[in-house]
PDB file of N, CA and C in Angstrom:
ATOM      1  N   MET A   1      19.921  13.945  99.411  1.00  0.00           N
ATOM      2  CA  MET A   1      20.392  15.350  98.842  1.00  0.00           C
ATOM      3  C   MET A   1      20.466  15.086  97.335  1.00  0.00           C
ATOM      4  N   ILE A   2      20.922  16.071  96.582  1.00  0.00           N
ATOM      5  CA  ILE A   2      20.843  16.119  95.112  1.00  0.00           C
ATOM      6  C   ILE A   2      21.997  15.059  95.013  1.00  0.00           C
ATOM      7  N   ASP A   3      21.645  14.364  93.877  1.00  0.00           N
ATOM      8  CA  ASP A   3      22.740  13.384  93.150  1.00  0.00           C
ATOM      9  C   ASP A   3      23.476  14.171  92.080  1.00  0.00           C
ATOM     10  N   HIS A   4      22.900  14.746  91.203  1.00  0.00           N
ATOM     11  CA  HIS A   4      23.633  15.579  90.079  1.00  0.00           C
ATOM     12  C   HIS A   4      22.819  16.717  89.762  1.00  0.00           C
ATOM     13  N   ILE A   5      23.388  17.696  88.910  1.00  0.00           N
ATOM     14  CA  ILE A   5      22.865  18.746  88.321  1.00  0.00           C
ATOM     15  C   ILE A   5      23.146  18.941  87.127  1.00  0.00           C
ATOM     16  N   TYR A   6      22.361  19.491  85.965  1.00  0.00           N
ATOM     17  CA  TYR A   6      22.647  20.079  84.800  1.00  0.00           C
ATOM     18  C   TYR A   6      22.708  21.557  84.701  1.00  0.00           C
ATOM     19  N   LEU A   7      23.970  22.197  84.497  1.00  0.00           N
ATOM     20  CA  LEU A   7      23.852  23.716  84.582  1.00  0.00           C
ATOM     21  C   LEU A   7      23.959  24.399  83.019  1.00  0.00           C
ATOM     22  N   PRO A   8      22.983  24.917  82.470  1.00  0.00           N
ATOM     23  CA  PRO A   8      22.881  25.358  81.093  1.00  0.00           C
ATOM     24  C   PRO A   8      23.702  26.463  81.111  1.00  0.00           C
ATOM     25  N   VAL A   9      24.577  26.610  80.011  1.00  0.00           N
ATOM     26  CA  VAL A   9      25.795  27.550  79.796  1.00  0.00           C
ATOM     27  C   VAL A   9      25.719  28.178  78.274  1.00  0.00           C
ATOM     28  N   SER A  10      26.094  29.203  78.280  1.00  0.00           N
ATOM     29  CA  SER A  10      25.928  29.750  76.619  1.00  0.00           C
ATOM     30  C   SER A  10      27.213  29.370  75.759  1.00  0.00           C
ATOM     31  N   ASP A  11      28.231  28.724  76.329  1.00  0.00           N
ATOM     32  CA  ASP A  11      29.319  28.642  75.534  1.00  0.00           C
ATOM     33  C   ASP A  11      30.021  27.443  76.346  1.00  0.00           C
ATOM     34  N   LEU A  12      29.787  26.116  75.901  1.00  0.00           N
ATOM     35  CA  LEU A  12      30.197  25.169  76.609  1.00  0.00           C
ATOM     36  C   LEU A  12      31.977  24.952  76.726  1.00  0.00           C
ATOM     37  N   GLU A  13      32.528  25.346  75.750  1.00  0.00           N
ATOM     38  CA  GLU A  13      33.919  25.089  75.762  1.00  0.00           C
ATOM     39  C   GLU A  13      34.610  26.256  76.782  1.00  0.00           C
ATOM     40  N   ARG A  14      34.170  27.509  76.671  1.00  0.00           N
ATOM     41  CA  ARG A  14      34.396  28.430  77.650  1.00  0.00           C
ATOM     42  C   ARG A  14      34.303  28.050  79.072  1.00  0.00           C
ATOM     43  N   SER A  15      33.029  27.624  79.292  1.00  0.00           N
ATOM     44  CA  SER A  15      32.605  27.159  80.688  1.00  0.00           C
ATOM     45  C   SER A  15      33.409  26.063  81.097  1.00  0.00           C
ATOM     46  N   ASN A  16      33.698  25.089  80.230  1.00  0.00           N
ATOM     47  CA  ASN A  16      34.451  23.749  80.726  1.00  0.00           C
ATOM     48  C   ASN A  16      35.663  24.152  81.235  1.00  0.00           C
ATOM     49  N   GLU A  17      36.283  25.066  80.209  1.00  0.00           N
ATOM     50  CA  GLU A  17      37.884  25.521  80.690  1.00  0.00           C
ATOM     51  C   GLU A  17      37.665  26.249  82.006  1.00  0.00           C
ATOM     52  N   PHE A  18      36.798  27.121  82.246  1.00  0.00           N
ATOM     53  CA  PHE A  18      36.328  27.871  83.419  1.00  0.00           C
ATOM     54  C   PHE A  18      36.262  27.039  84.526  1.00  0.00           C
ATOM     55  N   TYR A  19      35.303  26.077  84.677  1.00  0.00           N
ATOM     56  CA  TYR A  19      34.998  25.085  85.498  1.00  0.00           C
ATOM     57  C   TYR A  19      36.386  24.210  85.973  1.00  0.00           C
ATOM     58  N   LYS A  20      37.105  23.987  85.019  1.00  0.00           N
ATOM     59  CA  LYS A  20      38.213  22.896  85.180  1.00  0.00           C
ATOM     60  C   LYS A  20      39.182  23.670  86.307  1.00  0.00           C
ATOM     61  N   LYS A  21      39.389  24.941  85.848  1.00  0.00           N
ATOM     62  CA  LYS A  21      40.133  25.666  86.570  1.00  0.00           C
ATOM     63  C   LYS A  21      39.733  25.925  88.187  1.00  0.00           C
ATOM     64  N   LEU A  22      38.401  26.262  88.237  1.00  0.00           N
ATOM     65  CA  LEU A  22      37.791  26.397  89.321  1.00  0.00           C
ATOM     66  C   LEU A  22      37.643  25.073  90.360  1.00  0.00           C
ATOM     67  N   LEU A  23      37.461  24.047  89.864  1.00  0.00           N
ATOM     68  CA  LEU A  23      37.078  22.930  90.443  1.00  0.00           C
ATOM     69  C   LEU A  23      38.415  21.853  90.916  1.00  0.00           C
ATOM     70  N   GLU A  24      39.465  22.198  90.127  1.00  0.00           N
ATOM     71  CA  GLU A  24      40.624  21.602  90.346  1.00  0.00           C
ATOM     72  C   GLU A  24      41.153  21.648  92.047  1.00  0.00           C
ATOM     73  N   PRO A  25      41.066  22.809  92.561  1.00  0.00           N
ATOM     74  CA  PRO A  25      41.810  22.798  93.859  1.00  0.00           C
ATOM     75  C   PRO A  25      40.706  21.888  94.865  1.00  0.00           C
ATOM     76  N   LEU A  26      39.463  21.798  94.180  1.00  0.00           N
ATOM     77  CA  LEU A  26      38.650  21.026  95.155  1.00  0.00           C
ATOM     78  C   LEU A  26      38.681  19.409  95.154  1.00  0.00           C
ATOM     79  N   GLY A  27      39.559  19.266  94.117  1.00  0.00           N
ATOM     80  CA  GLY A  27      39.737  17.530  93.827  1.00  0.00           C
ATOM     81  C   GLY A  27      38.672  17.018  92.889  1.00  0.00           C
ATOM     82  N   ILE A  28      38.020  18.105  92.149  1.00  0.00           N
ATOM     83  CA  ILE A  28      37.024  17.754  91.184  1.00  0.00           C
ATOM     84  C   ILE A  28      37.436  17.765  89.825  1.00  0.00           C
ATOM     85  N   ASP A  29      37.405  16.652  88.917  1.00  0.00           N
ATOM     86  CA  ASP A  29      37.995  16.672  87.816  1.00  0.00           C
ATOM     87  C   ASP A  29      36.799  16.451  86.531  1.00  0.00           C
ATOM     88  N   MET A  30      37.098  16.712  85.247  1.00  0.00           N
ATOM     89  CA  MET A  30      36.355  16.386  84.262  1.00  0.00           C
ATOM     90  C   MET A  30      36.493  15.053  83.526  1.00  0.00           C
ATOM     91  N   PRO A  31      36.216  13.965  83.964  1.00  0.00           N
ATOM     92  CA  PRO A  31      36.270  12.779  83.210  1.00  0.00           C
ATOM     93  C   PRO A  31      35.199  12.347  82.131  1.00  0.00           C
ATOM     94  N   TYR A  32      34.269  13.143  82.013  1.00  0.00           N
ATOM     95  CA  TYR A  32      33.280  13.220  81.118  1.00  0.00           C
ATOM     96  C   TYR A  32      33.214  13.977  79.900  1.00  0.00           C
ATOM     97  N   LYS A  33      33.121  13.738  78.825  1.00  0.00           N
ATOM     98  CA  LYS A  33      33.167  14.717  77.574  1.00  0.00           C
ATOM     99  C   LYS A  33      32.488  14.240  76.475  1.00  0.00           C
ATOM    100  N   PHE A  34      31.299  14.518  76.319  1.00  0.00           N
ATOM    101  CA  PHE A  34      30.472  14.431  75.192  1.00  0.00           C
ATOM    102  C   PHE A  34      30.203  15.481  74.239  1.00  0.00           C
ATOM    103  N   ASP A  35      29.403  15.489  73.201  1.00  0.00           N
ATOM    104  CA  ASP A  35      29.462  16.659  72.132  1.00  0.00           C
ATOM    105  C   ASP A  35      28.786  17.912  73.140  1.00  0.00           C
ATOM    106  N   GLN A  36      27.703  17.632  73.510  1.00  0.00           N
ATOM    107  CA  GLN A  36      26.978  18.727  74.221  1.00  0.00           C
ATOM    108  C   GLN A  36      26.782  18.731  75.801  1.00  0.00           C
ATOM    109  N   LEU A  37      27.665  17.894  76.364  1.00  0.00           N
ATOM    110  CA  LEU A  37      27.441  17.789  77.694  1.00  0.00           C
ATOM    111  C   LEU A  37      28.782  17.254  78.122  1.00  0.00           C
ATOM    112  N   HIS A  38      29.256  18.095  79.400  1.00  0.00           N
ATOM    113  CA  HIS A  38      30.516  17.781  80.118  1.00  0.00           C
ATOM    114  C   HIS A  38      30.406  17.361  81.329  1.00  0.00           C
ATOM    115  N   GLY A  39      30.806  16.461  82.160  1.00  0.00           N
ATOM    116  CA  GLY A  39      30.453  16.067  83.498  1.00  0.00           C
ATOM    117  C   GLY A  39      31.747  16.214  84.336  1.00  0.00           C
ATOM    118  N   PHE A  40      31.363  16.627  85.386  1.00  0.00           N
ATOM    119  CA  PHE A  40      32.380  16.876  86.569  1.00  0.00           C
ATOM    120  C   PHE A  40      32.460  15.803  87.545  1.00  0.00           C
ATOM    121  N   ALA A  41      33.467  15.237  88.247  1.00  0.00           N
ATOM    122  CA  ALA A  41      33.363  14.181  89.137  1.00  0.00           C
ATOM    123  C   ALA A  41      34.291  14.139  90.185  1.00  0.00           C
ATOM    124  N   ILE A  42      34.255  13.533  91.222  1.00  0.00           N
ATOM    125  CA  ILE A  42      34.968  12.957  92.266  1.00  0.00           C
ATOM    126  C   ILE A  42      35.059  11.667  92.202  1.00  0.00           C
ATOM    127  N   ASN A  43      36.321  10.868  92.053  1.00  0.00           N
ATOM    128  CA  ASN A  43      36.330   9.645  92.036  1.00  0.00           C
ATOM    129  C   ASN A  43      35.521   9.000  91.041  1.00  0.00           C
ATOM    130  N   SER A  44      35.521   9.484  89.864  1.00  0.00           N
ATOM    131  CA  SER A  44      34.647   8.983  88.299  1.00  0.00           C
ATOM    132  C   SER A  44      33.132   9.152  88.721  1.00  0.00           C
ATOM    133  N   ASN A  45      32.802   9.580  90.071  1.00  0.00           N
ATOM    134  CA  ASN A  45      31.350   9.733  90.090  1.00  0.00           C
ATOM    135  C   ASN A  45      30.725  11.302  89.735  1.00  0.00           C
ATOM    136  N   PRO A  46      30.148  11.346  88.318  1.00  0.00           N
ATOM    137  CA  PRO A  46      29.874  12.823  88.115  1.00  0.00           C
ATOM    138  C   PRO A  46      28.652  13.261  88.771  1.00  0.00           C
ATOM    139  N   GLY A  47      28.756  14.740  89.312  1.00  0.00           N
ATOM    140  CA  GLY A  47      27.659  15.246  90.041  1.00  0.00           C
ATOM    141  C   GLY A  47      27.208  16.685  89.420  1.00  0.00           C
ATOM    142  N   PHE A  48      28.309  17.130  88.653  1.00  0.00           N
ATOM    143  CA  PHE A  48      28.024  18.420  88.089  1.00  0.00           C
ATOM    144  C   PHE A  48      28.230  18.484  86.769  1.00  0.00           C
ATOM    145  N   TRP A  49      27.126  18.726  85.928  1.00  0.00           N
ATOM    146  CA  TRP A  49      27.419  18.781  84.417  1.00  0.00           C
ATOM    147  C   TRP A  49      27.199  20.059  83.846  1.00  0.00           C
ATOM    148  N   LEU A  50      27.728  20.312  82.974  1.00  0.00           N
ATOM    149  CA  LEU A  50      27.554  21.603  82.033  1.00  0.00           C
ATOM    150  C   LEU A  50      27.261  21.082  80.618  1.00  0.00           C
ATOM    151  N   LYS A  51      26.025  22.042  79.995  1.00  0.00           N
ATOM    152  CA  LYS A  51      25.536  21.547  78.941  1.00  0.00           C
ATOM    153  C   LYS A  51      25.125  22.959  78.367  1.00  0.00           C
ATOM    154  N   ASN A  52      25.110  22.972  76.903  1.00  0.00           N
ATOM    155  CA  ASN A  52      24.777  24.114  76.031  1.00  0.00           C
ATOM    156  C   ASN A  52      23.075  24.405  76.358  1.00  0.00           C
ATOM    157  N   GLY A  53      22.874  25.704  76.421  1.00  0.00           N
ATOM    158  CA  GLY A  53      21.517  25.888  76.652  1.00  0.00           C
ATOM    159  C   GLY A  53      21.256  27.251  77.031  1.00  0.00           C
ATOM    160  N   GLU A  54      19.853  27.773  77.308  1.00  0.00           N
ATOM    161  CA  GLU A  54      19.561  29.020  77.904  1.00  0.00           C
ATOM    162  C   GLU A  54      20.078  29.177  79.135  1.00  0.00           C
ATOM    163  N   VAL A  55      20.889  30.256  79.446  1.00  0.00           N
ATOM    164  CA  VAL A  55      21.398  30.514  80.499  1.00  0.00           C
ATOM    165  C   VAL A  55      20.141  30.774  81.522  1.00  0.00           C
ATOM    166  N   ALA A  56      20.148  30.293  82.830  1.00  0.00           N
ATOM    167  CA  ALA A  56      19.033  30.581  83.732  1.00  0.00           C
ATOM    168  C   ALA A  56      19.082  31.797  84.499  1.00  0.00           C
ATOM    169  N   LYS A  57      18.069  32.400  84.755  1.00  0.00           N
ATOM    170  CA  LYS A  57      18.173  33.457  85.728  1.00  0.00           C
ATOM    171  C   LYS A  57      18.334  33.381  87.178  1.00  0.00           C
ATOM    172  N   ASP A  58      19.072  33.834  87.896  1.00  0.00           N
ATOM    173  CA  ASP A  58      19.178  33.956  89.351  1.00  0.00           C
ATOM    174  C   ASP A  58      19.597  32.590  89.982  1.00  0.00           C
ATOM    175  N   LEU A  59      20.527  32.002  89.439  1.00  0.00           N
ATOM    176  CA  LEU A  59      20.973  30.471  90.025  1.00  0.00           C
ATOM    177  C   LEU A  59      22.115  30.608  90.585  1.00  0.00           C
ATOM    178  N   TYR A  60      22.159  29.849  91.829  1.00  0.00           N
ATOM    179  CA  TYR A  60      23.217  30.072  92.680  1.00  0.00           C
ATOM    180  C   TYR A  60      23.618  28.430  93.210  1.00  0.00           C
ATOM    181  N   VAL A  61      24.944  28.415  92.967  1.00  0.00           N
ATOM    182  CA  VAL A  61      25.549  26.875  93.297  1.00  0.00           C
ATOM    183  C   VAL A  61      26.621  26.950  94.120  1.00  0.00           C
ATOM    184  N   ALA A  62      26.811  26.017  94.905  1.00  0.00           N
ATOM    185  CA  ALA A  62      27.881  26.005  95.840  1.00  0.00           C
ATOM    186  C   ALA A  62      28.601  25.016  96.005  1.00  0.00           C
ATOM    187  N   PHE A  63      29.861  24.782  95.785  1.00  0.00           N
ATOM    188  CA  PHE A  63      30.639  23.575  96.008  1.00  0.00           C
ATOM    189  C   PHE A  63      31.420  23.617  97.185  1.00  0.00           C
ATOM    190  N   THR A  64      31.526  22.368  97.729  1.00  0.00           N
ATOM    191  CA  THR A  64      32.229  21.953  99.007  1.00  0.00           C
ATOM    192  C   THR A  64      33.649  22.059  98.943  1.00  0.00           C
ATOM    193  N   ALA A  65      34.509  22.579  99.823  1.00  0.00           N
ATOM    194  CA  ALA A  65      35.885  22.271  99.731  1.00  0.00           C
ATOM    195  C   ALA A  65      36.406  21.677 101.315  1.00  0.00           C
ATOM    196  N   ARG A  66      37.415  21.175 101.105  1.00  0.00           N
ATOM    197  CA  ARG A  66      37.961  20.340 102.393  1.00  0.00           C
ATOM    198  C   ARG A  66      38.546  21.189 103.185  1.00  0.00           C
ATOM    199  N   SER A  67      38.873  22.352 102.916  1.00  0.00           N
ATOM    200  CA  SER A  67      39.898  23.360 103.960  1.00  0.00           C
ATOM    201  C   SER A  67      39.521  24.995 103.470  1.00  0.00           C
ATOM    202  N   ALA A  68      39.952  25.722 104.551  1.00  0.00           N
ATOM    203  CA  ALA A  68      39.899  27.064 103.934  1.00  0.00           C
ATOM    204  C   ALA A  68      40.768  27.366 102.770  1.00  0.00           C
ATOM    205  N   ASP A  69      42.271  26.733 102.936  1.00  0.00           N
ATOM    206  CA  ASP A  69      43.196  26.915 101.773  1.00  0.00           C
ATOM    207  C   ASP A  69      42.407  26.560 100.375  1.00  0.00           C
ATOM    208  N   ALA A  70      41.825  25.502 100.440  1.00  0.00           N
ATOM    209  CA  ALA A  70      41.127  24.855  99.071  1.00  0.00           C
ATOM    210  C   ALA A  70      40.211  25.869  98.632  1.00  0.00           C
ATOM    211  N   VAL A  71      39.383  26.689  99.382  1.00  0.00           N
ATOM    212  CA  VAL A  71      38.324  27.580  99.148  1.00  0.00           C
ATOM    213  C   VAL A  71      39.396  28.915  98.540  1.00  0.00           C
ATOM    214  N   ARG A  72      40.426  29.259  99.286  1.00  0.00           N
ATOM    215  CA  ARG A  72      41.309  30.286  98.577  1.00  0.00           C
ATOM    216  C   ARG A  72      41.806  29.978  97.239  1.00  0.00           C
ATOM    217  N   ALA A  73      42.301  28.769  97.023  1.00  0.00           N
ATOM    218  CA  ALA A  73      43.031  28.287  95.983  1.00  0.00           C
ATOM    219  C   ALA A  73      41.897  28.222  94.654  1.00  0.00           C
ATOM    220  N   SER A  74      40.969  27.729  95.171  1.00  0.00           N
ATOM    221  CA  SER A  74      39.671  27.837  94.116  1.00  0.00           C
ATOM    222  C   SER A  74      39.233  29.241  93.779  1.00  0.00           C
ATOM    223  N   TYR A  75      39.090  29.966  94.536  1.00  0.00           N
ATOM    224  CA  TYR A  75      38.632  31.570  94.387  1.00  0.00           C
ATOM    225  C   TYR A  75      39.794  32.120  93.577  1.00  0.00           C
ATOM    226  N   LYS A  76      41.104  31.991  93.820  1.00  0.00           N
ATOM    227  CA  LYS A  76      42.178  32.511  93.122  1.00  0.00           C
ATOM    228  C   LYS A  76      42.178  31.821  91.617  1.00  0.00           C
ATOM    229  N   ALA A  77      41.955  30.767  91.315  1.00  0.00           N
ATOM    230  CA  ALA A  77      41.889  30.105  89.972  1.00  0.00           C
ATOM    231  C   ALA A  77      40.685  30.631  89.387  1.00  0.00           C
ATOM    232  N   ALA A  78      39.729  31.022  89.777  1.00  0.00           N
ATOM    233  CA  ALA A  78      38.622  31.308  89.078  1.00  0.00           C
ATOM    234  C   ALA A  78      38.798  32.804  88.807  1.00  0.00           C
ATOM    235  N   ILE A  79      39.314  33.700  89.685  1.00  0.00           N
ATOM    236  CA  ILE A  79      39.482  35.060  89.419  1.00  0.00           C
ATOM    237  C   ILE A  79      40.536  35.227  88.286  1.00  0.00           C
ATOM    238  N   ASP A  80      41.781  34.181  88.532  1.00  0.00           N
ATOM    239  CA  ASP A  80      42.770  34.166  87.254  1.00  0.00           C
ATOM    240  C   ASP A  80      42.097  33.825  85.920  1.00  0.00           C
ATOM    241  N   ALA A  81      41.069  32.921  86.029  1.00  0.00           N
ATOM    242  CA  ALA A  81      40.342  32.756  84.813  1.00  0.00           C
ATOM    243  C   ALA A  81      39.305  33.580  84.371  1.00  0.00           C
ATOM    244  N   GLY A  82      39.130  34.703  84.874  1.00  0.00           N
ATOM    245  CA  GLY A  82      38.246  35.821  84.540  1.00  0.00           C
ATOM    246  C   GLY A  82      37.008  36.055  85.327  1.00  0.00           C
ATOM    247  N   ALA A  83      36.803  35.135  86.253  1.00  0.00           N
ATOM    248  CA  ALA A  83      35.548  35.390  87.127  1.00  0.00           C
ATOM    249  C   ALA A  83      35.720  36.689  87.768  1.00  0.00           C
ATOM    250  N   THR A  84      34.213  37.145  88.055  1.00  0.00           N
ATOM    251  CA  THR A  84      34.133  38.667  88.807  1.00  0.00           C
ATOM    252  C   THR A  84      34.176  38.232  90.193  1.00  0.00           C
ATOM    253  N   SER A  85      34.604  38.858  91.158  1.00  0.00           N
ATOM    254  CA  SER A  85      34.597  38.594  92.527  1.00  0.00           C
ATOM    255  C   SER A  85      33.353  39.055  93.256  1.00  0.00           C
ATOM    256  N   LYS A  86      32.677  38.271  93.834  1.00  0.00           N
ATOM    257  CA  LYS A  86      31.357  38.602  94.468  1.00  0.00           C
ATOM    258  C   LYS A  86      31.765  38.729  96.210  1.00  0.00           C
ATOM    259  N   LYS A  87      32.288  37.828  96.619  1.00  0.00           N
ATOM    260  CA  LYS A  87      32.581  37.971  98.083  1.00  0.00           C
ATOM    261  C   LYS A  87      34.142  37.248  98.134  1.00  0.00           C
ATOM    262  N   GLU A  88      35.067  37.996  98.648  1.00  0.00           N
ATOM    263  CA  GLU A  88      36.318  37.303  98.877  1.00  0.00           C
ATOM    264  C   GLU A  88      36.404  36.297 100.030  1.00  0.00           C
ATOM    265  N   PRO A  89      37.341  35.322 100.097  1.00  0.00           N
ATOM    266  CA  PRO A  89      37.170  34.103 100.978  1.00  0.00           C
ATOM    267  C   PRO A  89      37.327  34.898 102.384  1.00  0.00           C
ATOM    268  N   SER A  90      36.404  34.419 103.057  1.00  0.00           N
ATOM    269  CA  SER A  90      36.331  35.070 104.578  1.00  0.00           C
ATOM    270  C   SER A  90      35.364  34.118 105.663  1.00  0.00           C
ATOM    271  N   LEU A  91      35.557  34.297 106.633  1.00  0.00           N
ATOM    272  CA  LEU A  91      34.522  33.543 107.441  1.00  0.00           C
ATOM    273  C   LEU A  91      33.325  34.131 107.443  1.00  0.00           C
ATOM    274  N   ARG A  92      32.008  33.420 107.363  1.00  0.00           N
ATOM    275  CA  ARG A  92      30.656  33.861 107.364  1.00  0.00           C
ATOM    276  C   ARG A  92      29.908  33.642 108.660  1.00  0.00           C
ATOM    277  N   PRO A  93      30.149  34.359 109.678  1.00  0.00           N
ATOM    278  CA  PRO A  93      29.630  34.229 110.940  1.00  0.00           C
ATOM    279  C   PRO A  93      27.982  34.354 111.032  1.00  0.00           C
ATOM    280  N   GLU A  94      27.603  35.103 109.845  1.00  0.00           N
ATOM    281  CA  GLU A  94      25.977  35.206 109.842  1.00  0.00           C
ATOM    282  C   GLU A  94      25.296  33.942 109.565  1.00  0.00           C
ATOM    283  N   TRP A  95      26.251  32.750 109.194  1.00  0.00           N
ATOM    284  CA  TRP A  95      25.769  31.262 108.707  1.00  0.00           C
ATOM    285  C   TRP A  95      26.178  30.484 109.953  1.00  0.00           C
ATOM    286  N   ARG A  96      27.743  30.574 110.350  1.00  0.00           N
ATOM    287  CA  ARG A  96      27.869  29.748 111.187  1.00  0.00           C
ATOM    288  C   ARG A  96      29.327  30.351 111.672  1.00  0.00           C
ATOM    289  N   ALA A  97      29.999  30.204 112.914  1.00  0.00           N
ATOM    290  CA  ALA A  97      31.123  30.884 113.276  1.00  0.00           C
ATOM    291  C   ALA A  97      32.251  30.464 112.491  1.00  0.00           C
ATOM    292  N   ASP A  98      32.285  29.215 112.180  1.00  0.00           N
ATOM    293  CA  ASP A  98      33.534  28.367 111.443  1.00  0.00           C
ATOM    294  C   ASP A  98      32.977  28.251 109.967  1.00  0.00           C
ATOM    295  N   TYR A  99      32.191  28.845 109.307  1.00  0.00           N
ATOM    296  CA  TYR A  99      31.776  28.869 107.893  1.00  0.00           C
ATOM    297  C   TYR A  99      32.653  29.532 107.218  1.00  0.00           C
ATOM    298  N   PHE A 100      33.338  29.105 106.367  1.00  0.00           N
ATOM    299  CA  PHE A 100      34.382  29.657 105.319  1.00  0.00           C
ATOM    300  C   PHE A 100      34.086  29.458 104.067  1.00  0.00           C
ATOM    301  N   ALA A 101      34.018  30.808 103.268  1.00  0.00           N
ATOM    302  CA  ALA A 101      33.406  30.702 102.061  1.00  0.00           C
ATOM    303  C   ALA A 101      33.852  31.751 101.127  1.00  0.00           C
ATOM    304  N   ALA A 102      33.641  31.794  99.945  1.00  0.00           N
ATOM    305  CA  ALA A 102      34.020  32.742  98.813  1.00  0.00           C
ATOM    306  C   ALA A 102      32.821  32.655  97.727  1.00  0.00           C
ATOM    307  N   ASN A 103      32.554  33.806  97.063  1.00  0.00           N
ATOM    308  CA  ASN A 103      31.570  33.862  96.022  1.00  0.00           C
ATOM    309  C   ASN A 103      32.334  34.445  95.018  1.00  0.00           C
ATOM    310  N   ILE A 104      31.986  33.794  93.824  1.00  0.00           N
ATOM    311  CA  ILE A 104      32.691  34.488  92.285  1.00  0.00           C
ATOM    312  C   ILE A 104      31.355  34.344  91.352  1.00  0.00           C
ATOM    313  N   GLY A 105      31.445  35.166  90.187  1.00  0.00           N
ATOM    314  CA  GLY A 105      30.418  35.225  89.291  1.00  0.00           C
ATOM    315  C   GLY A 105      31.184  34.525  88.062  1.00  0.00           C
ATOM    316  N   ASP A 106      30.409  33.582  87.398  1.00  0.00           N
ATOM    317  CA  ASP A 106      31.114  32.658  86.230  1.00  0.00           C
ATOM    318  C   ASP A 106      30.829  33.368  85.211  1.00  0.00           C
ATOM    319  N   PRO A 107      31.275  32.700  84.040  1.00  0.00           N
ATOM    320  CA  PRO A 107      31.135  33.570  82.580  1.00  0.00           C
ATOM    321  C   PRO A 107      29.759  33.850  82.193  1.00  0.00           C
ATOM    322  N   ASP A 108      28.854  33.199  82.536  1.00  0.00           N
ATOM    323  CA  ASP A 108      27.455  33.602  82.490  1.00  0.00           C
ATOM    324  C   ASP A 108      26.576  34.303  83.583  1.00  0.00           C
ATOM    325  N   GLY A 109      27.572  34.657  84.529  1.00  0.00           N
ATOM    326  CA  GLY A 109      26.830  35.442  85.539  1.00  0.00           C
ATOM    327  C   GLY A 109      26.147  34.602  86.770  1.00  0.00           C
ATOM    328  N   TYR A 110      26.427  33.415  86.504  1.00  0.00           N
ATOM    329  CA  TYR A 110      26.094  32.485  87.770  1.00  0.00           C
ATOM    330  C   TYR A 110      26.687  33.020  89.224  1.00  0.00           C
ATOM    331  N   ASN A 111      26.036  33.131  90.255  1.00  0.00           N
ATOM    332  CA  ASN A 111      26.678  33.140  91.506  1.00  0.00           C
ATOM    333  C   ASN A 111      27.382  31.863  91.890  1.00  0.00           C
ATOM    334  N   ILE A 112      28.398  31.530  92.086  1.00  0.00           N
ATOM    335  CA  ILE A 112      29.254  30.402  92.639  1.00  0.00           C
ATOM    336  C   ILE A 112      29.707  30.507  93.842  1.00  0.00           C
ATOM    337  N   GLU A 113      29.358  29.862  94.602  1.00  0.00           N
ATOM    338  CA  GLU A 113      30.061  29.846  96.172  1.00  0.00           C
ATOM    339  C   GLU A 113      31.268  28.476  96.244  1.00  0.00           C
ATOM    340  N   ILE A 114      32.259  28.866  97.012  1.00  0.00           N
ATOM    341  CA  ILE A 114      32.957  27.555  97.218  1.00  0.00           C
ATOM    342  C   ILE A 114      33.097  27.818  98.828  1.00  0.00           C
ATOM    343  N   ALA A 115      32.901  26.789  99.364  1.00  0.00           N
ATOM    344  CA  ALA A 115      32.429  26.634 100.993  1.00  0.00           C
ATOM    345  C   ALA A 115      33.336  25.647 101.836  1.00  0.00           C
ATOM    346  N   TYR A 116      33.446  26.153 102.720  1.00  0.00           N
ATOM    347  CA  TYR A 116      34.251  25.004 103.878  1.00  0.00           C
ATOM    348  C   TYR A 116      33.663  25.058 104.845  1.00  0.00           C
ATOM    349  N   LYS A 117      33.009  23.646 105.301  1.00  0.00           N
ATOM    350  CA  LYS A 117      32.388  23.586 106.640  1.00  0.00           C
ATOM    351  C   LYS A 117      32.921  22.766 107.567  1.00  0.00           C
ATOM    352  N   PRO A 118      34.036  23.008 108.125  1.00  0.00           N
ATOM    353  CA  PRO A 118      35.047  22.223 109.195  1.00  0.00           C
ATOM    354  C   PRO A 118      34.198  21.053 109.875  1.00  0.00           C
ATOM    355  N   TRP A 119      32.938  21.287 110.340  1.00  0.00           N
ATOM    356  CA  TRP A 119      32.445  20.272 111.008  1.00  0.00           C
ATOM    357  C   TRP A 119      31.862  19.079 110.320  1.00  0.00           C
ATOM    358  N   LEU A 120      31.791  19.314 108.862  1.00  0.00           N
ATOM    359  CA  LEU A 120      31.545  17.932 108.151  1.00  0.00           C
ATOM    360  C   LEU A 120      32.943  17.161 108.274  1.00  0.00           C
ATOM    361  N   TYR A 121      33.969  17.526 108.591  1.00  0.00           N
ATOM    362  CA  TYR A 121      35.239  16.599 108.486  1.00  0.00           C
ATOM    363  C   TYR A 121      35.769  16.370 109.891  1.00  0.00           C
ATOM    364  N   LYS A 122      35.146  16.403 110.819  1.00  0.00           N
ATOM    365  CA  LYS A 122      35.502  16.020 112.053  1.00  0.00           C
ATOM    366  C   LYS A 122      35.248  14.791 112.551  1.00  0.00           C
TER     367      LYS A 122
END
């Protein structure tokens, strides 16, 4: 699977603050901060990086949550930080009966999903 990804953003500091709030309920922090590159990690293993750059068109990123409550908390944190709601937290039976997710639009308009897949934790 993918080891890490760089997401180009129009304003690194704005996106940094936004993603810190979005990702904190998922246990993801930001231990790496360079002039033009900020890295988010679990257990100091970075997998998601923000960098100043040209915003991509039609980009979709999904983050894994360990519970439906974590999806709700992350969604609320994102909305409180100025995200647009694309799809409120709910079951997504079109994908799988127990798939629980939410979607938001980030400051650059990227479609961000927060997903809980309970079968991964059984």
